[in-house]
Amino acid sequence: MGANSNVYKFYETIKNKQDFEEFLSLLKKDFKDNPDTWENDRLELFLDGIYGYNFGTTDEEKDIKPTWSLFAEMLLAAKVFE
């Protein structure tokens, strides 16, 4: 699984902006090294994935405060969310 497993493991440790920047680097590497794990491999599909992941929320979820970890979660979900 290589970089793919690393990006998911690293996601679980994100605490600040610097961690998020490193996560983005790993996510980019994952896209290059593991393209078969990306459902949404074009920008339009990826953005649709972010939109779908974020705008199907409940009222309670709408009150969640954004964090670097939440931003990373959205990007990870967007690679496969339809």
PDB file of N, CA and C in Angstrom:
ATOM      1  N   MET A   1       0.815  -1.201   0.000  1.00  0.00           N
ATOM      2  CA  MET A   1       0.000   0.000   0.000  1.00  0.00           C
ATOM      3  C   MET A   1       0.861   1.269   0.000  1.00  0.00           C
ATOM      4  N   GLY A   2       2.016   1.262   0.574  1.00  0.00           N
ATOM      5  CA  GLY A   2       2.980   2.351   0.470  1.00  0.00           C
ATOM      6  C   GLY A   2       2.492   3.692   0.956  1.00  0.00           C
ATOM      7  N   ALA A   3       2.610   4.689   0.075  1.00  0.00           N
ATOM      8  CA  ALA A   3       2.259   6.070   0.424  1.00  0.00           C
ATOM      9  C   ALA A   3       0.797   6.195   0.832  1.00  0.00           C
ATOM     10  N   ASN A   4      -0.063   5.373   0.236  1.00  0.00           N
ATOM     11  CA  ASN A   4      -1.481   5.429   0.566  1.00  0.00           C
ATOM     12  C   ASN A   4      -1.702   5.209   2.049  1.00  0.00           C
ATOM     13  N   SER A   5      -1.075   4.186   2.623  1.00  0.00           N
ATOM     14  CA  SER A   5      -1.248   3.942   4.051  1.00  0.00           C
ATOM     15  C   SER A   5      -0.600   5.045   4.870  1.00  0.00           C
ATOM     16  N   ASN A   6       0.514   5.599   4.383  1.00  0.00           N
ATOM     17  CA  ASN A   6       1.178   6.687   5.100  1.00  0.00           C
ATOM     18  C   ASN A   6       0.300   7.927   5.204  1.00  0.00           C
ATOM     19  N   VAL A   7      -0.405   8.260   4.149  1.00  0.00           N
ATOM     20  CA  VAL A   7      -1.235   9.465   4.174  1.00  0.00           C
ATOM     21  C   VAL A   7      -2.376   9.296   5.182  1.00  0.00           C
ATOM     22  N   TYR A   8      -2.940   8.116   5.266  1.00  0.00           N
ATOM     23  CA  TYR A   8      -4.014   7.881   6.235  1.00  0.00           C
ATOM     24  C   TYR A   8      -3.485   7.866   7.666  1.00  0.00           C
ATOM     25  N   LYS A   9      -2.331   7.267   7.868  1.00  0.00           N
ATOM     26  CA  LYS A   9      -1.731   7.261   9.206  1.00  0.00           C
ATOM     27  C   LYS A   9      -1.363   8.673   9.636  1.00  0.00           C
ATOM     28  N   PHE A  10      -0.777   9.440   8.710  1.00  0.00           N
ATOM     29  CA  PHE A  10      -0.374  10.786   9.055  1.00  0.00           C
ATOM     30  C   PHE A  10      -1.588  11.678   9.339  1.00  0.00           C
ATOM     31  N   TYR A  11      -2.662  11.473   8.592  1.00  0.00           N
ATOM     32  CA  TYR A  11      -3.893  12.243   8.819  1.00  0.00           C
ATOM     33  C   TYR A  11      -4.322  12.177  10.283  1.00  0.00           C
ATOM     34  N   GLU A  12      -4.180  11.025  10.888  1.00  0.00           N
ATOM     35  CA  GLU A  12      -4.609  10.830  12.273  1.00  0.00           C
ATOM     36  C   GLU A  12      -3.766  11.612  13.275  1.00  0.00           C
ATOM     37  N   THR A  13      -2.635  12.173  12.853  1.00  0.00           N
ATOM     38  CA  THR A  13      -1.733  12.885  13.768  1.00  0.00           C
ATOM     39  C   THR A  13      -1.739  14.397  13.575  1.00  0.00           C
ATOM     40  N   ILE A  14      -2.532  14.909  12.656  1.00  0.00           N
ATOM     41  CA  ILE A  14      -2.502  16.340  12.331  1.00  0.00           C
ATOM     42  C   ILE A  14      -3.000  17.180  13.507  1.00  0.00           C
ATOM     43  N   LYS A  15      -2.163  18.139  13.896  1.00  0.00           N
ATOM     44  CA  LYS A  15      -2.511  19.024  15.016  1.00  0.00           C
ATOM     45  C   LYS A  15      -2.420  20.512  14.646  1.00  0.00           C
ATOM     46  N   ASN A  16      -1.651  20.844  13.599  1.00  0.00           N
ATOM     47  CA  ASN A  16      -1.423  22.257  13.297  1.00  0.00           C
ATOM     48  C   ASN A  16      -1.182  22.465  11.803  1.00  0.00           C
ATOM     49  N   LYS A  17      -0.938  23.712  11.419  1.00  0.00           N
ATOM     50  CA  LYS A  17      -0.756  24.058  10.013  1.00  0.00           C
ATOM     51  C   LYS A  17       0.461  23.350   9.414  1.00  0.00           C
ATOM     52  N   GLN A  18       1.521  23.238  10.142  1.00  0.00           N
ATOM     53  CA  GLN A  18       2.719  22.570   9.645  1.00  0.00           C
ATOM     54  C   GLN A  18       2.420  21.096   9.350  1.00  0.00           C
ATOM     55  N   ASP A  19       1.695  20.448  10.233  1.00  0.00           N
ATOM     56  CA  ASP A  19       1.289  19.058   9.991  1.00  0.00           C
ATOM     57  C   ASP A  19       0.429  18.970   8.728  1.00  0.00           C
ATOM     58  N   PHE A  20      -0.494  19.927   8.566  1.00  0.00           N
ATOM     59  CA  PHE A  20      -1.370  19.933   7.394  1.00  0.00           C
ATOM     60  C   PHE A  20      -0.552  20.088   6.113  1.00  0.00           C
ATOM     61  N   GLU A  21       0.470  20.939   6.145  1.00  0.00           N
ATOM     62  CA  GLU A  21       1.331  21.111   4.971  1.00  0.00           C
ATOM     63  C   GLU A  21       2.040  19.803   4.625  1.00  0.00           C
ATOM     64  N   GLU A  22       2.511  19.093   5.630  1.00  0.00           N
ATOM     65  CA  GLU A  22       3.157  17.796   5.386  1.00  0.00           C
ATOM     66  C   GLU A  22       2.141  16.790   4.850  1.00  0.00           C
ATOM     67  N   PHE A  23       0.926  16.831   5.384  1.00  0.00           N
ATOM     68  CA  PHE A  23      -0.142  15.977   4.885  1.00  0.00           C
ATOM     69  C   PHE A  23      -0.390  16.231   3.398  1.00  0.00           C
ATOM     70  N   LEU A  24      -0.436  17.509   3.009  1.00  0.00           N
ATOM     71  CA  LEU A  24      -0.658  17.835   1.598  1.00  0.00           C
ATOM     72  C   LEU A  24       0.440  17.251   0.719  1.00  0.00           C
ATOM     73  N   SER A  25       1.661  17.295   1.193  1.00  0.00           N
ATOM     74  CA  SER A  25       2.777  16.709   0.454  1.00  0.00           C
ATOM     75  C   SER A  25       2.579  15.198   0.295  1.00  0.00           C
ATOM     76  N   LEU A  26       2.166  14.529   1.359  1.00  0.00           N
ATOM     77  CA  LEU A  26       1.899  13.092   1.295  1.00  0.00           C
ATOM     78  C   LEU A  26       0.712  12.769   0.383  1.00  0.00           C
ATOM     79  N   LEU A  27      -0.307  13.625   0.423  1.00  0.00           N
ATOM     80  CA  LEU A  27      -1.480  13.409  -0.416  1.00  0.00           C
ATOM     81  C   LEU A  27      -1.106  13.540  -1.891  1.00  0.00           C
ATOM     82  N   LYS A  28      -0.284  14.522  -2.205  1.00  0.00           N
ATOM     83  CA  LYS A  28       0.196  14.700  -3.577  1.00  0.00           C
ATOM     84  C   LYS A  28       0.992  13.478  -4.026  1.00  0.00           C
ATOM     85  N   LYS A  29       1.849  12.986  -3.155  1.00  0.00           N
ATOM     86  CA  LYS A  29       2.642  11.788  -3.458  1.00  0.00           C
ATOM     87  C   LYS A  29       1.724  10.582  -3.644  1.00  0.00           C
ATOM     88  N   ASP A  30       0.699  10.473  -2.818  1.00  0.00           N
ATOM     89  CA  ASP A  30      -0.258   9.386  -2.940  1.00  0.00           C
ATOM     90  C   ASP A  30      -0.955   9.426  -4.296  1.00  0.00           C
ATOM     91  N   PHE A  31      -1.314  10.605  -4.752  1.00  0.00           N
ATOM     92  CA  PHE A  31      -1.966  10.755  -6.055  1.00  0.00           C
ATOM     93  C   PHE A  31      -1.047  10.267  -7.171  1.00  0.00           C
ATOM     94  N   LYS A  32       0.219  10.591  -7.060  1.00  0.00           N
ATOM     95  CA  LYS A  32       1.199  10.187  -8.077  1.00  0.00           C
ATOM     96  C   LYS A  32       1.494   8.682  -8.004  1.00  0.00           C
ATOM     97  N   ASP A  33       1.692   8.167  -6.790  1.00  0.00           N
ATOM     98  CA  ASP A  33       2.132   6.782  -6.612  1.00  0.00           C
ATOM     99  C   ASP A  33       0.999   5.753  -6.624  1.00  0.00           C
ATOM    100  N   ASN A  34      -0.220   6.182  -6.288  1.00  0.00           N
ATOM    101  CA  ASN A  34      -1.358   5.253  -6.154  1.00  0.00           C
ATOM    102  C   ASN A  34      -2.598   5.763  -6.890  1.00  0.00           C
ATOM    103  N   PRO A  35      -2.473   6.076  -8.163  1.00  0.00           N
ATOM    104  CA  PRO A  35      -3.622   6.658  -8.874  1.00  0.00           C
ATOM    105  C   PRO A  35      -4.849   5.754  -8.895  1.00  0.00           C
ATOM    106  N   ASP A  36      -4.644   4.448  -8.794  1.00  0.00           N
ATOM    107  CA  ASP A  36      -5.773   3.518  -8.814  1.00  0.00           C
ATOM    108  C   ASP A  36      -6.634   3.592  -7.561  1.00  0.00           C
ATOM    109  N   THR A  37      -6.150   4.254  -6.502  1.00  0.00           N
ATOM    110  CA  THR A  37      -6.949   4.397  -5.273  1.00  0.00           C
ATOM    111  C   THR A  37      -7.776   5.684  -5.269  1.00  0.00           C
ATOM    112  N   TRP A  38      -7.644   6.479  -6.324  1.00  0.00           N
ATOM    113  CA  TRP A  38      -8.347   7.756  -6.425  1.00  0.00           C
ATOM    114  C   TRP A  38      -9.552   7.616  -7.344  1.00  0.00           C
ATOM    115  N   GLU A  39     -10.761   7.586  -6.766  1.00  0.00           N
ATOM    116  CA  GLU A  39     -11.990   7.614  -7.565  1.00  0.00           C
ATOM    117  C   GLU A  39     -12.079   8.929  -8.322  1.00  0.00           C
ATOM    118  N   ASN A  40     -11.781  10.017  -7.619  1.00  0.00           N
ATOM    119  CA  ASN A  40     -11.925  11.365  -8.163  1.00  0.00           C
ATOM    120  C   ASN A  40     -10.556  11.895  -8.568  1.00  0.00           C
ATOM    121  N   ASP A  41     -10.118  11.470  -9.747  1.00  0.00           N
ATOM    122  CA  ASP A  41      -8.764  11.776 -10.196  1.00  0.00           C
ATOM    123  C   ASP A  41      -8.673  12.977 -11.135  1.00  0.00           C
ATOM    124  N   ARG A  42      -9.762  13.700 -11.279  1.00  0.00           N
ATOM    125  CA  ARG A  42      -9.770  14.962 -12.032  1.00  0.00           C
ATOM    126  C   ARG A  42     -10.292  16.057 -11.101  1.00  0.00           C
ATOM    127  N   LEU A  43      -9.840  17.276 -11.329  1.00  0.00           N
ATOM    128  CA  LEU A  43     -10.185  18.375 -10.425  1.00  0.00           C
ATOM    129  C   LEU A  43     -11.690  18.522 -10.240  1.00  0.00           C
ATOM    130  N   GLU A  44     -12.448  18.471 -11.320  1.00  0.00           N
ATOM    131  CA  GLU A  44     -13.898  18.635 -11.198  1.00  0.00           C
ATOM    132  C   GLU A  44     -14.506  17.559 -10.298  1.00  0.00           C
ATOM    133  N   LEU A  45     -14.083  16.311 -10.477  1.00  0.00           N
ATOM    134  CA  LEU A  45     -14.597  15.220  -9.638  1.00  0.00           C
ATOM    135  C   LEU A  45     -14.153  15.388  -8.193  1.00  0.00           C
ATOM    136  N   PHE A  46     -12.901  15.799  -7.996  1.00  0.00           N
ATOM    137  CA  PHE A  46     -12.369  16.003  -6.657  1.00  0.00           C
ATOM    138  C   PHE A  46     -13.147  17.097  -5.917  1.00  0.00           C
ATOM    139  N   LEU A  47     -13.398  18.210  -6.604  1.00  0.00           N
ATOM    140  CA  LEU A  47     -14.169  19.301  -5.994  1.00  0.00           C
ATOM    141  C   LEU A  47     -15.604  18.861  -5.710  1.00  0.00           C
ATOM    142  N   ASP A  48     -16.187  18.072  -6.606  1.00  0.00           N
ATOM    143  CA  ASP A  48     -17.518  17.513  -6.340  1.00  0.00           C
ATOM    144  C   ASP A  48     -17.489  16.636  -5.093  1.00  0.00           C
ATOM    145  N   GLY A  49     -16.400  15.881  -4.920  1.00  0.00           N
ATOM    146  CA  GLY A  49     -16.258  15.035  -3.735  1.00  0.00           C
ATOM    147  C   GLY A  49     -16.207  15.856  -2.459  1.00  0.00           C
ATOM    148  N   ILE A  50     -15.462  16.970  -2.485  1.00  0.00           N
ATOM    149  CA  ILE A  50     -15.417  17.860  -1.316  1.00  0.00           C
ATOM    150  C   ILE A  50     -16.800  18.416  -1.036  1.00  0.00           C
ATOM    151  N   TYR A  51     -17.460  18.876  -2.077  1.00  0.00           N
ATOM    152  CA  TYR A  51     -18.798  19.442  -1.918  1.00  0.00           C
ATOM    153  C   TYR A  51     -19.753  18.402  -1.334  1.00  0.00           C
ATOM    154  N   GLY A  52     -19.749  17.205  -1.890  1.00  0.00           N
ATOM    155  CA  GLY A  52     -20.646  16.146  -1.418  1.00  0.00           C
ATOM    156  C   GLY A  52     -20.364  15.738   0.011  1.00  0.00           C
ATOM    157  N   TYR A  53     -19.095  15.713   0.366  1.00  0.00           N
ATOM    158  CA  TYR A  53     -18.726  15.319   1.724  1.00  0.00           C
ATOM    159  C   TYR A  53     -19.151  16.363   2.742  1.00  0.00           C
ATOM    160  N   ASN A  54     -19.105  17.617   2.374  1.00  0.00           N
ATOM    161  CA  ASN A  54     -19.348  18.703   3.319  1.00  0.00           C
ATOM    162  C   ASN A  54     -20.769  19.219   3.367  1.00  0.00           C
ATOM    163  N   PHE A  55     -21.537  19.019   2.332  1.00  0.00           N
ATOM    164  CA  PHE A  55     -22.840  19.657   2.306  1.00  0.00           C
ATOM    165  C   PHE A  55     -23.996  18.685   2.455  1.00  0.00           C
ATOM    166  N   GLY A  56     -23.703  17.497   2.931  1.00  0.00           N
ATOM    167  CA  GLY A  56     -24.758  16.559   3.270  1.00  0.00           C
ATOM    168  C   GLY A  56     -24.800  16.371   4.771  1.00  0.00           C
ATOM    169  N   THR A  57     -24.469  17.426   5.517  1.00  0.00           N
ATOM    170  CA  THR A  57     -24.300  17.311   6.956  1.00  0.00           C
ATOM    171  C   THR A  57     -25.601  17.557   7.722  1.00  0.00           C
ATOM    172  N   THR A  58     -25.599  17.069   8.947  1.00  0.00           N
ATOM    173  CA  THR A  58     -26.727  17.297   9.845  1.00  0.00           C
ATOM    174  C   THR A  58     -26.567  18.668  10.506  1.00  0.00           C
ATOM    175  N   ASP A  59     -27.585  19.108  11.223  1.00  0.00           N
ATOM    176  CA  ASP A  59     -27.511  20.391  11.923  1.00  0.00           C
ATOM    177  C   ASP A  59     -26.376  20.400  12.944  1.00  0.00           C
ATOM    178  N   GLU A  60     -26.174  19.280  13.638  1.00  0.00           N
ATOM    179  CA  GLU A  60     -25.097  19.214  14.636  1.00  0.00           C
ATOM    180  C   GLU A  60     -23.729  19.362  13.961  1.00  0.00           C
ATOM    181  N   GLU A  61     -23.569  18.734  12.811  1.00  0.00           N
ATOM    182  CA  GLU A  61     -22.291  18.798  12.100  1.00  0.00           C
ATOM    183  C   GLU A  61     -22.002  20.200  11.572  1.00  0.00           C
ATOM    184  N   LYS A  62     -23.033  20.977  11.317  1.00  0.00           N
ATOM    185  CA  LYS A  62     -22.837  22.341  10.815  1.00  0.00           C
ATOM    186  C   LYS A  62     -22.179  23.238  11.847  1.00  0.00           C
ATOM    187  N   ASP A  63     -22.238  22.853  13.119  1.00  0.00           N
ATOM    188  CA  ASP A  63     -21.635  23.650  14.190  1.00  0.00           C
ATOM    189  C   ASP A  63     -20.207  23.235  14.515  1.00  0.00           C
ATOM    190  N   ILE A  64     -19.671  22.247  13.807  1.00  0.00           N
ATOM    191  CA  ILE A  64     -18.294  21.797  14.054  1.00  0.00           C
ATOM    192  C   ILE A  64     -17.326  22.904  13.649  1.00  0.00           C
ATOM    193  N   LYS A  65     -16.386  23.191  14.532  1.00  0.00           N
ATOM    194  CA  LYS A  65     -15.374  24.209  14.259  1.00  0.00           C
ATOM    195  C   LYS A  65     -14.301  23.621  13.344  1.00  0.00           C
ATOM    196  N   PRO A  66     -13.914  24.361  12.296  1.00  0.00           N
ATOM    197  CA  PRO A  66     -12.881  23.852  11.391  1.00  0.00           C
ATOM    198  C   PRO A  66     -11.524  23.723  12.086  1.00  0.00           C
ATOM    199  N   THR A  67     -10.816  22.676  11.737  1.00  0.00           N
ATOM    200  CA  THR A  67      -9.465  22.441  12.242  1.00  0.00           C
ATOM    201  C   THR A  67      -8.608  21.980  11.063  1.00  0.00           C
ATOM    202  N   TRP A  68      -7.300  21.982  11.241  1.00  0.00           N
ATOM    203  CA  TRP A  68      -6.412  21.472  10.193  1.00  0.00           C
ATOM    204  C   TRP A  68      -6.734  20.008   9.920  1.00  0.00           C
ATOM    205  N   SER A  69      -7.047  19.280  10.946  1.00  0.00           N
ATOM    206  CA  SER A  69      -7.389  17.870  10.791  1.00  0.00           C
ATOM    207  C   SER A  69      -8.685  17.707   9.986  1.00  0.00           C
ATOM    208  N   LEU A  70      -9.654  18.559  10.213  1.00  0.00           N
ATOM    209  CA  LEU A  70     -10.904  18.504   9.456  1.00  0.00           C
ATOM    210  C   LEU A  70     -10.659  18.816   7.982  1.00  0.00           C
ATOM    211  N   PHE A  71      -9.811  19.801   7.694  1.00  0.00           N
ATOM    212  CA  PHE A  71      -9.476  20.104   6.295  1.00  0.00           C
ATOM    213  C   PHE A  71      -8.856  18.879   5.629  1.00  0.00           C
ATOM    214  N   ALA A  72      -7.950  18.214   6.331  1.00  0.00           N
ATOM    215  CA  ALA A  72      -7.311  17.011   5.795  1.00  0.00           C
ATOM    216  C   ALA A  72      -8.346  15.909   5.579  1.00  0.00           C
ATOM    217  N   GLU A  73      -9.261  15.752   6.528  1.00  0.00           N
ATOM    218  CA  GLU A  73     -10.310  14.742   6.395  1.00  0.00           C
ATOM    219  C   GLU A  73     -11.151  14.991   5.142  1.00  0.00           C
ATOM    220  N   MET A  74     -11.476  16.254   4.870  1.00  0.00           N
ATOM    221  CA  MET A  74     -12.259  16.585   3.688  1.00  0.00           C
ATOM    222  C   MET A  74     -11.510  16.197   2.413  1.00  0.00           C
ATOM    223  N   LEU A  75     -10.212  16.474   2.378  1.00  0.00           N
ATOM    224  CA  LEU A  75      -9.424  16.147   1.183  1.00  0.00           C
ATOM    225  C   LEU A  75      -9.293  14.637   0.995  1.00  0.00           C
ATOM    226  N   LEU A  76      -9.082  13.920   2.084  1.00  0.00           N
ATOM    227  CA  LEU A  76      -9.022  12.461   1.978  1.00  0.00           C
ATOM    228  C   LEU A  76     -10.350  11.894   1.493  1.00  0.00           C
ATOM    229  N   ALA A  77     -11.425  12.396   2.030  1.00  0.00           N
ATOM    230  CA  ALA A  77     -12.744  11.905   1.624  1.00  0.00           C
ATOM    231  C   ALA A  77     -13.017  12.231   0.153  1.00  0.00           C
ATOM    232  N   ALA A  78     -12.559  13.378  -0.301  1.00  0.00           N
ATOM    233  CA  ALA A  78     -12.835  13.804  -1.662  1.00  0.00           C
ATOM    234  C   ALA A  78     -12.176  12.915  -2.706  1.00  0.00           C
ATOM    235  N   LYS A  79     -11.117  12.204  -2.324  1.00  0.00           N
ATOM    236  CA  LYS A  79     -10.470  11.348  -3.319  1.00  0.00           C
ATOM    237  C   LYS A  79     -11.360  10.190  -3.733  1.00  0.00           C
ATOM    238  N   VAL A  80     -12.362   9.832  -2.903  1.00  0.00           N
ATOM    239  CA  VAL A  80     -13.228   8.709  -3.235  1.00  0.00           C
ATOM    240  C   VAL A  80     -14.735   9.001  -3.082  1.00  0.00           C
ATOM    241  N   PHE A  81     -15.097  10.092  -2.430  1.00  0.00           N
ATOM    242  CA  PHE A  81     -16.513  10.384  -2.148  1.00  0.00           C
ATOM    243  C   PHE A  81     -17.239  10.771  -3.431  1.00  0.00           C
ATOM    244  N   GLU A  82     -18.391  10.192  -3.647  1.00  0.00           N
ATOM    245  CA  GLU A  82     -19.174  10.510  -4.860  1.00  0.00           C
ATOM    246  C   GLU A  82     -20.347  11.389  -4.543  1.00  0.00           C
TER     247      GLU A  82
END
